[in-house]
């Protein structure tokens, strides 16, 4: 069936488009951070720590072991400033590190 010119769109189609656009905007923020992470964190830290999510301004970074968790926390303020400047990640208010799997 052809859509008539000027006919209203079905609400299901409108909602689907809104949800897809919101999802893409969310993903864009974490992708900016992921692409900038190796350069900002440095070669060694970026092998042991990786951003996993960005929710409500909190960047969650997974770290593979406690020694690197300590190192990441030691560099936290420097990383925060660099991310805000380089990645254009104005959405980031805080960085949290946790022990977890690195993929």
PDB file of N, CA and C in Angstrom:
ATOM      1  N   UNK A   1       0.845  -1.178   0.000  1.00  0.00           N
ATOM      2  CA  UNK A   1       0.000   0.000   0.000  1.00  0.00           C
ATOM      3  C   UNK A   1       0.891   1.242   0.000  1.00  0.00           C
ATOM      4  N   UNK A   2       0.572   2.170  -0.860  1.00  0.00           N
ATOM      5  CA  UNK A   2       1.325   3.414  -0.973  1.00  0.00           C
ATOM      6  C   UNK A   2       0.879   4.424   0.060  1.00  0.00           C
ATOM      7  N   UNK A   3       1.864   5.151   0.554  1.00  0.00           N
ATOM      8  CA  UNK A   3       1.563   6.215   1.508  1.00  0.00           C
ATOM      9  C   UNK A   3       1.149   7.453   0.715  1.00  0.00           C
ATOM     10  N   UNK A   4       0.018   8.016   1.073  1.00  0.00           N
ATOM     11  CA  UNK A   4      -0.456   9.215   0.387  1.00  0.00           C
ATOM     12  C   UNK A   4       0.321  10.431   0.858  1.00  0.00           C
ATOM     13  N   UNK A   5       0.573  11.345  -0.090  1.00  0.00           N
ATOM     14  CA  UNK A   5       1.283  12.561   0.251  1.00  0.00           C
ATOM     15  C   UNK A   5       0.475  13.354   1.281  1.00  0.00           C
ATOM     16  N   UNK A   6       1.165  13.757   2.363  1.00  0.00           N
ATOM     17  CA  UNK A   6       0.504  14.531   3.409  1.00  0.00           C
ATOM     18  C   UNK A   6      -0.228  13.676   4.431  1.00  0.00           C
ATOM     19  N   UNK A   7      -0.255  12.351   4.227  1.00  0.00           N
ATOM     20  CA  UNK A   7      -0.926  11.460   5.182  1.00  0.00           C
ATOM     21  C   UNK A   7      -0.060  11.318   6.431  1.00  0.00           C
ATOM     22  N   UNK A   8      -0.681  11.234   7.594  1.00  0.00           N
ATOM     23  CA  UNK A   8       0.101  11.084   8.828  1.00  0.00           C
ATOM     24  C   UNK A   8       0.820   9.729   8.862  1.00  0.00           C
ATOM     25  N   UNK A   9       2.001   9.732   9.489  1.00  0.00           N
ATOM     26  CA  UNK A   9       2.759   8.489   9.649  1.00  0.00           C
ATOM     27  C   UNK A   9       2.155   7.690  10.792  1.00  0.00           C
ATOM     28  N   UNK A  10       2.199   6.383  10.674  1.00  0.00           N
ATOM     29  CA  UNK A  10       1.726   5.551  11.796  1.00  0.00           C
ATOM     30  C   UNK A  10       2.589   5.813  13.036  1.00  0.00           C
ATOM     31  N   UNK A  11       1.961   5.847  14.174  1.00  0.00           N
ATOM     32  CA  UNK A  11       2.655   6.159  15.428  1.00  0.00           C
ATOM     33  C   UNK A  11       3.791   5.176  15.699  1.00  0.00           C
ATOM     34  N   UNK A  12       3.630   3.933  15.302  1.00  0.00           N
ATOM     35  CA  UNK A  12       4.679   2.927  15.486  1.00  0.00           C
ATOM     36  C   UNK A  12       5.952   3.305  14.746  1.00  0.00           C
ATOM     37  N   UNK A  13       5.799   3.822  13.525  1.00  0.00           N
ATOM     38  CA  UNK A  13       6.961   4.246  12.738  1.00  0.00           C
ATOM     39  C   UNK A  13       7.643   5.451  13.379  1.00  0.00           C
ATOM     40  N   UNK A  14       6.859   6.382  13.869  1.00  0.00           N
ATOM     41  CA  UNK A  14       7.405   7.578  14.511  1.00  0.00           C
ATOM     42  C   UNK A  14       8.193   7.186  15.757  1.00  0.00           C
ATOM     43  N   UNK A  15       7.614   6.331  16.597  1.00  0.00           N
ATOM     44  CA  UNK A  15       8.287   5.905  17.826  1.00  0.00           C
ATOM     45  C   UNK A  15       9.564   5.127  17.521  1.00  0.00           C
ATOM     46  N   UNK A  16       9.522   4.285  16.511  1.00  0.00           N
ATOM     47  CA  UNK A  16      10.700   3.518  16.117  1.00  0.00           C
ATOM     48  C   UNK A  16      11.838   4.466  15.728  1.00  0.00           C
ATOM     49  N   UNK A  17      11.528   5.493  14.951  1.00  0.00           N
ATOM     50  CA  UNK A  17      12.547   6.464  14.541  1.00  0.00           C
ATOM     51  C   UNK A  17      13.115   7.232  15.732  1.00  0.00           C
ATOM     52  N   UNK A  18      12.270   7.610  16.667  1.00  0.00           N
ATOM     53  CA  UNK A  18      12.721   8.347  17.857  1.00  0.00           C
ATOM     54  C   UNK A  18      13.668   7.476  18.682  1.00  0.00           C
ATOM     55  N   UNK A  19      13.297   6.222  18.917  1.00  0.00           N
ATOM     56  CA  UNK A  19      14.128   5.313  19.710  1.00  0.00           C
ATOM     57  C   UNK A  19      15.464   5.059  19.021  1.00  0.00           C
ATOM     58  N   UNK A  20      15.455   4.856  17.715  1.00  0.00           N
ATOM     59  CA  UNK A  20      16.702   4.635  16.973  1.00  0.00           C
ATOM     60  C   UNK A  20      17.619   5.848  17.054  1.00  0.00           C
ATOM     61  N   UNK A  21      17.063   7.040  16.926  1.00  0.00           N
ATOM     62  CA  UNK A  21      17.871   8.261  16.995  1.00  0.00           C
ATOM     63  C   UNK A  21      18.475   8.463  18.381  1.00  0.00           C
ATOM     64  N   UNK A  22      17.710   8.180  19.429  1.00  0.00           N
ATOM     65  CA  UNK A  22      18.229   8.298  20.793  1.00  0.00           C
ATOM     66  C   UNK A  22      19.341   7.293  21.030  1.00  0.00           C
ATOM     67  N   UNK A  23      19.148   6.081  20.550  1.00  0.00           N
ATOM     68  CA  UNK A  23      20.152   5.036  20.711  1.00  0.00           C
ATOM     69  C   UNK A  23      21.449   5.413  20.009  1.00  0.00           C
ATOM     70  N   UNK A  24      21.361   5.967  18.818  1.00  0.00           N
ATOM     71  CA  UNK A  24      22.550   6.377  18.075  1.00  0.00           C
ATOM     72  C   UNK A  24      23.273   7.511  18.786  1.00  0.00           C
ATOM     73  N   UNK A  25      22.553   8.434  19.373  1.00  0.00           N
ATOM     74  CA  UNK A  25      23.173   9.544  20.102  1.00  0.00           C
ATOM     75  C   UNK A  25      23.941   9.028  21.311  1.00  0.00           C
ATOM     76  N   UNK A  26      23.372   8.055  22.025  1.00  0.00           N
ATOM     77  CA  UNK A  26      24.037   7.467  23.177  1.00  0.00           C
ATOM     78  C   UNK A  26      25.326   6.780  22.758  1.00  0.00           C
ATOM     79  N   UNK A  27      25.245   5.997  21.691  1.00  0.00           N
ATOM     80  CA  UNK A  27      26.410   5.261  21.211  1.00  0.00           C
ATOM     81  C   UNK A  27      27.500   6.207  20.745  1.00  0.00           C
ATOM     82  N   UNK A  28      27.138   7.321  20.166  1.00  0.00           N
ATOM     83  CA  UNK A  28      28.127   8.273  19.655  1.00  0.00           C
ATOM     84  C   UNK A  28      29.045   8.753  20.778  1.00  0.00           C
ATOM     85  N   UNK A  29      28.485   9.039  21.943  1.00  0.00           N
ATOM     86  CA  UNK A  29      29.287   9.510  23.071  1.00  0.00           C
ATOM     87  C   UNK A  29      30.349   8.505  23.494  1.00  0.00           C
ATOM     88  N   UNK A  30      29.995   7.246  23.622  1.00  0.00           N
ATOM     89  CA  UNK A  30      30.967   6.232  24.049  1.00  0.00           C
ATOM     90  C   UNK A  30      31.946   5.935  22.924  1.00  0.00           C
ATOM     91  N   UNK A  31      31.519   6.014  21.671  1.00  0.00           N
ATOM     92  CA  UNK A  31      32.436   5.779  20.553  1.00  0.00           C
ATOM     93  C   UNK A  31      33.498   6.867  20.479  1.00  0.00           C
ATOM     94  N   UNK A  32      33.138   8.102  20.778  1.00  0.00           N
ATOM     95  CA  UNK A  32      34.126   9.193  20.820  1.00  0.00           C
ATOM     96  C   UNK A  32      35.188   8.895  21.872  1.00  0.00           C
ATOM     97  N   UNK A  33      34.741   8.441  23.013  1.00  0.00           N
ATOM     98  CA  UNK A  33      35.660   8.135  24.108  1.00  0.00           C
ATOM     99  C   UNK A  33      36.540   6.938  23.744  1.00  0.00           C
ATOM    100  N   UNK A  34      35.929   5.883  23.194  1.00  0.00           N
ATOM    101  CA  UNK A  34      36.690   4.688  22.825  1.00  0.00           C
ATOM    102  C   UNK A  34      37.769   4.992  21.793  1.00  0.00           C
ATOM    103  N   UNK A  35      37.437   5.819  20.828  1.00  0.00           N
ATOM    104  CA  UNK A  35      38.422   6.123  19.790  1.00  0.00           C
ATOM    105  C   UNK A  35      39.574   6.970  20.330  1.00  0.00           C
ATOM    106  N   UNK A  36      39.313   7.811  21.310  1.00  0.00           N
ATOM    107  CA  UNK A  36      40.357   8.671  21.872  1.00  0.00           C
ATOM    108  C   UNK A  36      41.138   7.996  23.001  1.00  0.00           C
ATOM    109  N   UNK A  37      40.593   6.947  23.585  1.00  0.00           N
ATOM    110  CA  UNK A  37      41.156   6.327  24.782  1.00  0.00           C
ATOM    111  C   UNK A  37      42.622   5.912  24.647  1.00  0.00           C
ATOM    112  N   UNK A  38      43.030   5.153  23.628  1.00  0.00           N
ATOM    113  CA  UNK A  38      44.438   4.719  23.573  1.00  0.00           C
ATOM    114  C   UNK A  38      45.430   5.880  23.584  1.00  0.00           C
ATOM    115  N   UNK A  39      45.136   6.934  22.871  1.00  0.00           N
ATOM    116  CA  UNK A  39      46.045   8.084  22.831  1.00  0.00           C
ATOM    117  C   UNK A  39      46.072   8.821  24.165  1.00  0.00           C
ATOM    118  N   UNK A  40      44.928   8.913  24.814  1.00  0.00           N
ATOM    119  CA  UNK A  40      44.845   9.667  26.071  1.00  0.00           C
ATOM    120  C   UNK A  40      45.372   8.878  27.268  1.00  0.00           C
ATOM    121  N   UNK A  41      45.063   7.592  27.297  1.00  0.00           N
ATOM    122  CA  UNK A  41      45.463   6.765  28.440  1.00  0.00           C
ATOM    123  C   UNK A  41      46.913   6.293  28.323  1.00  0.00           C
ATOM    124  N   UNK A  42      47.431   6.277  27.113  1.00  0.00           N
ATOM    125  CA  UNK A  42      48.784   5.771  26.904  1.00  0.00           C
ATOM    126  C   UNK A  42      48.762   4.290  26.584  1.00  0.00           C
ATOM    127  N   UNK A  43      49.866   3.841  26.004  1.00  0.00           N
ATOM    128  CA  UNK A  43      49.970   2.463  25.520  1.00  0.00           C
ATOM    129  C   UNK A  43      49.748   1.423  26.621  1.00  0.00           C
ATOM    130  N   UNK A  44      50.424   1.590  27.742  1.00  0.00           N
ATOM    131  CA  UNK A  44      50.344   0.598  28.818  1.00  0.00           C
ATOM    132  C   UNK A  44      48.960   0.555  29.480  1.00  0.00           C
ATOM    133  N   UNK A  45      48.474   1.701  29.925  1.00  0.00           N
ATOM    134  CA  UNK A  45      47.182   1.725  30.607  1.00  0.00           C
ATOM    135  C   UNK A  45      46.049   1.286  29.678  1.00  0.00           C
ATOM    136  N   UNK A  46      46.107   1.673  28.421  1.00  0.00           N
ATOM    137  CA  UNK A  46      45.020   1.316  27.505  1.00  0.00           C
ATOM    138  C   UNK A  46      44.970  -0.189  27.222  1.00  0.00           C
ATOM    139  N   UNK A  47      46.068  -0.900  27.478  1.00  0.00           N
ATOM    140  CA  UNK A  47      46.044  -2.363  27.351  1.00  0.00           C
ATOM    141  C   UNK A  47      45.358  -3.028  28.544  1.00  0.00           C
ATOM    142  N   UNK A  48      45.284  -2.318  29.650  1.00  0.00           N
ATOM    143  CA  UNK A  48      44.740  -2.895  30.877  1.00  0.00           C
ATOM    144  C   UNK A  48      43.432  -2.250  31.343  1.00  0.00           C
ATOM    145  N   UNK A  49      43.034  -1.185  30.675  1.00  0.00           N
ATOM    146  CA  UNK A  49      41.810  -0.469  31.075  1.00  0.00           C
ATOM    147  C   UNK A  49      41.065  -0.034  29.822  1.00  0.00           C
ATOM    148  N   UNK A  50      39.749  -0.229  29.834  1.00  0.00           N
ATOM    149  CA  UNK A  50      38.957   0.123  28.662  1.00  0.00           C
ATOM    150  C   UNK A  50      37.597   0.665  29.096  1.00  0.00           C
ATOM    151  N   UNK A  51      37.175   1.800  28.514  1.00  0.00           N
ATOM    152  CA  UNK A  51      35.835   2.335  28.803  1.00  0.00           C
ATOM    153  C   UNK A  51      34.768   1.334  28.358  1.00  0.00           C
ATOM    154  N   UNK A  52      33.760   1.154  29.199  1.00  0.00           N
ATOM    155  CA  UNK A  52      32.691   0.203  28.854  1.00  0.00           C
ATOM    156  C   UNK A  52      31.324   0.855  28.736  1.00  0.00           C
ATOM    157  N   UNK A  53      31.123   1.978  29.417  1.00  0.00           N
ATOM    158  CA  UNK A  53      29.818   2.637  29.297  1.00  0.00           C
ATOM    159  C   UNK A  53      29.919   4.101  29.698  1.00  0.00           C
ATOM    160  N   UNK A  54      28.947   4.850  29.220  1.00  0.00           N
ATOM    161  CA  UNK A  54      28.821   6.263  29.569  1.00  0.00           C
ATOM    162  C   UNK A  54      27.348   6.500  29.849  1.00  0.00           C
ATOM    163  N   UNK A  55      27.021   6.600  31.134  1.00  0.00           N
ATOM    164  CA  UNK A  55      25.626   6.770  31.544  1.00  0.00           C
ATOM    165  C   UNK A  55      25.520   7.907  32.544  1.00  0.00           C
ATOM    166  N   UNK A  56      24.612   8.807  32.262  1.00  0.00           N
ATOM    167  CA  UNK A  56      24.345   9.945  33.146  1.00  0.00           C
ATOM    168  C   UNK A  56      25.622  10.699  33.516  1.00  0.00           C
ATOM    169  N   UNK A  57      26.519  10.835  32.545  1.00  0.00           N
ATOM    170  CA  UNK A  57      27.742  11.588  32.757  1.00  0.00           C
ATOM    171  C   UNK A  57      28.863  10.828  33.439  1.00  0.00           C
ATOM    172  N   UNK A  58      28.631   9.560  33.772  1.00  0.00           N
ATOM    173  CA  UNK A  58      29.654   8.752  34.439  1.00  0.00           C
ATOM    174  C   UNK A  58      30.264   7.781  33.430  1.00  0.00           C
ATOM    175  N   UNK A  59      31.559   7.941  33.206  1.00  0.00           N
ATOM    176  CA  UNK A  59      32.289   7.039  32.326  1.00  0.00           C
ATOM    177  C   UNK A  59      32.799   5.881  33.172  1.00  0.00           C
ATOM    178  N   UNK A  60      32.333   4.682  32.875  1.00  0.00           N
ATOM    179  CA  UNK A  60      32.757   3.487  33.598  1.00  0.00           C
ATOM    180  C   UNK A  60      33.879   2.826  32.802  1.00  0.00           C
ATOM    181  N   UNK A  61      35.007   2.628  33.470  1.00  0.00           N
ATOM    182  CA  UNK A  61      36.179   2.036  32.825  1.00  0.00           C
ATOM    183  C   UNK A  61      36.512   0.736  33.540  1.00  0.00           C
ATOM    184  N   UNK A  62      36.586  -0.336  32.774  1.00  0.00           N
ATOM    185  CA  UNK A  62      36.930  -1.645  33.304  1.00  0.00           C
ATOM    186  C   UNK A  62      38.451  -1.807  33.282  1.00  0.00           C
ATOM    187  N   UNK A  63      39.011  -2.302  34.394  1.00  0.00           N
ATOM    188  CA  UNK A  63      40.450  -2.486  34.542  1.00  0.00           C
ATOM    189  C   UNK A  63      40.701  -3.947  34.885  1.00  0.00           C
ATOM    190  N   UNK A  64      41.731  -4.550  34.273  1.00  0.00           N
ATOM    191  CA  UNK A  64      41.889  -5.994  34.399  1.00  0.00           C
ATOM    192  C   UNK A  64      42.493  -6.509  35.702  1.00  0.00           C
ATOM    193  N   UNK A  65      43.170  -5.671  36.479  1.00  0.00           N
ATOM    194  CA  UNK A  65      43.701  -6.148  37.757  1.00  0.00           C
ATOM    195  C   UNK A  65      43.924  -4.984  38.724  1.00  0.00           C
ATOM    196  N   UNK A  66      44.086  -5.310  39.998  1.00  0.00           N
ATOM    197  CA  UNK A  66      44.131  -4.283  41.038  1.00  0.00           C
ATOM    198  C   UNK A  66      45.307  -3.315  40.897  1.00  0.00           C
ATOM    199  N   UNK A  67      46.461  -3.791  40.451  1.00  0.00           N
ATOM    200  CA  UNK A  67      47.606  -2.882  40.289  1.00  0.00           C
ATOM    201  C   UNK A  67      47.290  -1.812  39.244  1.00  0.00           C
ATOM    202  N   UNK A  68      46.615  -2.189  38.173  1.00  0.00           N
ATOM    203  CA  UNK A  68      46.243  -1.222  37.141  1.00  0.00           C
ATOM    204  C   UNK A  68      45.077  -0.347  37.585  1.00  0.00           C
ATOM    205  N   UNK A  69      44.238  -0.872  38.460  1.00  0.00           N
ATOM    206  CA  UNK A  69      43.165  -0.060  39.043  1.00  0.00           C
ATOM    207  C   UNK A  69      43.786   1.081  39.855  1.00  0.00           C
ATOM    208  N   UNK A  70      44.801   0.756  40.640  1.00  0.00           N
ATOM    209  CA  UNK A  70      45.518   1.773  41.419  1.00  0.00           C
ATOM    210  C   UNK A  70      46.143   2.811  40.488  1.00  0.00           C
ATOM    211  N   UNK A  71      46.810   2.348  39.437  1.00  0.00           N
ATOM    212  CA  UNK A  71      47.455   3.251  38.488  1.00  0.00           C
ATOM    213  C   UNK A  71      46.433   4.148  37.796  1.00  0.00           C
ATOM    214  N   UNK A  72      45.301   3.565  37.400  1.00  0.00           N
ATOM    215  CA  UNK A  72      44.247   4.335  36.721  1.00  0.00           C
ATOM    216  C   UNK A  72      43.696   5.415  37.644  1.00  0.00           C
ATOM    217  N   UNK A  73      43.467   5.071  38.902  1.00  0.00           N
ATOM    218  CA  UNK A  73      42.975   6.069  39.858  1.00  0.00           C
ATOM    219  C   UNK A  73      43.998   7.169  40.096  1.00  0.00           C
ATOM    220  N   UNK A  74      45.254   6.812  40.049  1.00  0.00           N
ATOM    221  CA  UNK A  74      46.326   7.786  40.203  1.00  0.00           C
ATOM    222  C   UNK A  74      46.308   8.796  39.049  1.00  0.00           C
ATOM    223  N   UNK A  75      45.934   8.351  37.853  1.00  0.00           N
ATOM    224  CA  UNK A  75      45.898   9.198  36.664  1.00  0.00           C
ATOM    225  C   UNK A  75      44.505   9.765  36.367  1.00  0.00           C
ATOM    226  N   UNK A  76      43.571   9.531  37.235  1.00  0.00           N
ATOM    227  CA  UNK A  76      42.168   9.880  36.999  1.00  0.00           C
ATOM    228  C   UNK A  76      41.952  11.337  36.589  1.00  0.00           C
ATOM    229  N   UNK A  77      42.494  12.260  37.345  1.00  0.00           N
ATOM    230  CA  UNK A  77      42.275  13.686  37.069  1.00  0.00           C
ATOM    231  C   UNK A  77      42.866  14.085  35.716  1.00  0.00           C
ATOM    232  N   UNK A  78      44.049  13.587  35.430  1.00  0.00           N
ATOM    233  CA  UNK A  78      44.705  13.864  34.154  1.00  0.00           C
ATOM    234  C   UNK A  78      43.886  13.292  32.984  1.00  0.00           C
ATOM    235  N   UNK A  79      43.399  12.065  33.142  1.00  0.00           N
ATOM    236  CA  UNK A  79      42.565  11.435  32.114  1.00  0.00           C
ATOM    237  C   UNK A  79      41.261  12.204  31.910  1.00  0.00           C
ATOM    238  N   UNK A  80      40.675  12.626  33.004  1.00  0.00           N
ATOM    239  CA  UNK A  80      39.417  13.366  32.944  1.00  0.00           C
ATOM    240  C   UNK A  80      39.585  14.647  32.131  1.00  0.00           C
ATOM    241  N   UNK A  81      40.618  15.401  32.435  1.00  0.00           N
ATOM    242  CA  UNK A  81      40.873  16.654  31.713  1.00  0.00           C
ATOM    243  C   UNK A  81      41.157  16.397  30.235  1.00  0.00           C
ATOM    244  N   UNK A  82      41.955  15.381  29.958  1.00  0.00           N
ATOM    245  CA  UNK A  82      42.303  15.056  28.571  1.00  0.00           C
ATOM    246  C   UNK A  82      41.078  14.607  27.782  1.00  0.00           C
ATOM    247  N   UNK A  83      40.229  13.813  28.397  1.00  0.00           N
ATOM    248  CA  UNK A  83      39.005  13.349  27.725  1.00  0.00           C
ATOM    249  C   UNK A  83      38.086  14.515  27.414  1.00  0.00           C
ATOM    250  N   UNK A  84      37.924  15.400  28.362  1.00  0.00           N
ATOM    251  CA  UNK A  84      37.054  16.563  28.159  1.00  0.00           C
ATOM    252  C   UNK A  84      37.568  17.425  27.014  1.00  0.00           C
ATOM    253  N   UNK A  85      38.878  17.572  26.931  1.00  0.00           N
ATOM    254  CA  UNK A  85      39.485  18.434  25.924  1.00  0.00           C
ATOM    255  C   UNK A  85      39.558  17.762  24.549  1.00  0.00           C
ATOM    256  N   UNK A  86      40.127  16.590  24.493  1.00  0.00           N
ATOM    257  CA  UNK A  86      40.420  15.914  23.230  1.00  0.00           C
ATOM    258  C   UNK A  86      39.197  15.233  22.620  1.00  0.00           C
ATOM    259  N   UNK A  87      38.456  14.506  23.392  1.00  0.00           N
ATOM    260  CA  UNK A  87      37.356  13.708  22.863  1.00  0.00           C
ATOM    261  C   UNK A  87      36.093  14.533  22.664  1.00  0.00           C
ATOM    262  N   UNK A  88      36.100  15.759  23.142  1.00  0.00           N
ATOM    263  CA  UNK A  88      34.889  16.559  23.048  1.00  0.00           C
ATOM    264  C   UNK A  88      33.772  15.926  23.863  1.00  0.00           C
ATOM    265  N   UNK A  89      34.163  15.216  24.893  1.00  0.00           N
ATOM    266  CA  UNK A  89      33.206  14.463  25.689  1.00  0.00           C
ATOM    267  C   UNK A  89      32.659  15.335  26.819  1.00  0.00           C
ATOM    268  N   UNK A  90      31.969  16.395  26.438  1.00  0.00           N
ATOM    269  CA  UNK A  90      31.413  17.312  27.435  1.00  0.00           C
ATOM    270  C   UNK A  90      30.363  16.648  28.311  1.00  0.00           C
ATOM    271  N   UNK A  91      29.928  15.477  27.904  1.00  0.00           N
ATOM    272  CA  UNK A  91      28.918  14.746  28.671  1.00  0.00           C
ATOM    273  C   UNK A  91      29.510  14.075  29.911  1.00  0.00           C
ATOM    274  N   UNK A  92      30.836  13.969  29.964  1.00  0.00           N
ATOM    275  CA  UNK A  92      31.477  13.258  31.070  1.00  0.00           C
ATOM    276  C   UNK A  92      31.629  14.185  32.279  1.00  0.00           C
ATOM    277  N   UNK A  93      31.057  13.749  33.405  1.00  0.00           N
ATOM    278  CA  UNK A  93      31.173  14.488  34.655  1.00  0.00           C
ATOM    279  C   UNK A  93      32.142  13.800  35.619  1.00  0.00           C
ATOM    280  N   UNK A  94      32.315  12.484  35.403  1.00  0.00           N
ATOM    281  CA  UNK A  94      33.060  11.694  36.376  1.00  0.00           C
ATOM    282  C   UNK A  94      33.562  10.416  35.707  1.00  0.00           C
ATOM    283  N   UNK A  95      34.704   9.911  36.184  1.00  0.00           N
ATOM    284  CA  UNK A  95      35.223   8.628  35.712  1.00  0.00           C
ATOM    285  C   UNK A  95      35.250   7.668  36.894  1.00  0.00           C
ATOM    286  N   UNK A  96      34.743   6.475  36.682  1.00  0.00           N
ATOM    287  CA  UNK A  96      34.792   5.429  37.705  1.00  0.00           C
ATOM    288  C   UNK A  96      35.545   4.237  37.127  1.00  0.00           C
ATOM    289  N   UNK A  97      36.455   3.685  37.916  1.00  0.00           N
ATOM    290  CA  UNK A  97      37.192   2.496  37.502  1.00  0.00           C
ATOM    291  C   UNK A  97      36.704   1.315  38.328  1.00  0.00           C
ATOM    292  N   UNK A  98      36.690   0.142  37.707  1.00  0.00           N
ATOM    293  CA  UNK A  98      36.330  -1.085  38.420  1.00  0.00           C
ATOM    294  C   UNK A  98      37.097  -2.245  37.808  1.00  0.00           C
ATOM    295  N   UNK A  99      37.323  -3.254  38.607  1.00  0.00           N
ATOM    296  CA  UNK A  99      37.971  -4.469  38.120  1.00  0.00           C
ATOM    297  C   UNK A  99      36.956  -5.218  37.255  1.00  0.00           C
ATOM    298  N   UNK A 100      37.407  -5.629  36.089  1.00  0.00           N
ATOM    299  CA  UNK A 100      36.515  -6.344  35.187  1.00  0.00           C
ATOM    300  C   UNK A 100      37.254  -6.893  33.998  1.00  0.00           C
ATOM    301  N   UNK A 101      36.514  -7.487  33.124  1.00  0.00           N
ATOM    302  CA  UNK A 101      37.079  -8.107  31.932  1.00  0.00           C
ATOM    303  C   UNK A 101      37.395  -7.052  30.872  1.00  0.00           C
ATOM    304  N   UNK A 102      38.532  -7.220  30.223  1.00  0.00           N
ATOM    305  CA  UNK A 102      38.934  -6.343  29.125  1.00  0.00           C
ATOM    306  C   UNK A 102      38.807  -7.135  27.840  1.00  0.00           C
ATOM    307  N   UNK A 103      38.057  -6.604  26.897  1.00  0.00           N
ATOM    308  CA  UNK A 103      37.886  -7.300  25.606  1.00  0.00           C
ATOM    309  C   UNK A 103      38.600  -6.554  24.532  1.00  0.00           C
TER     310      UNK A 103
END
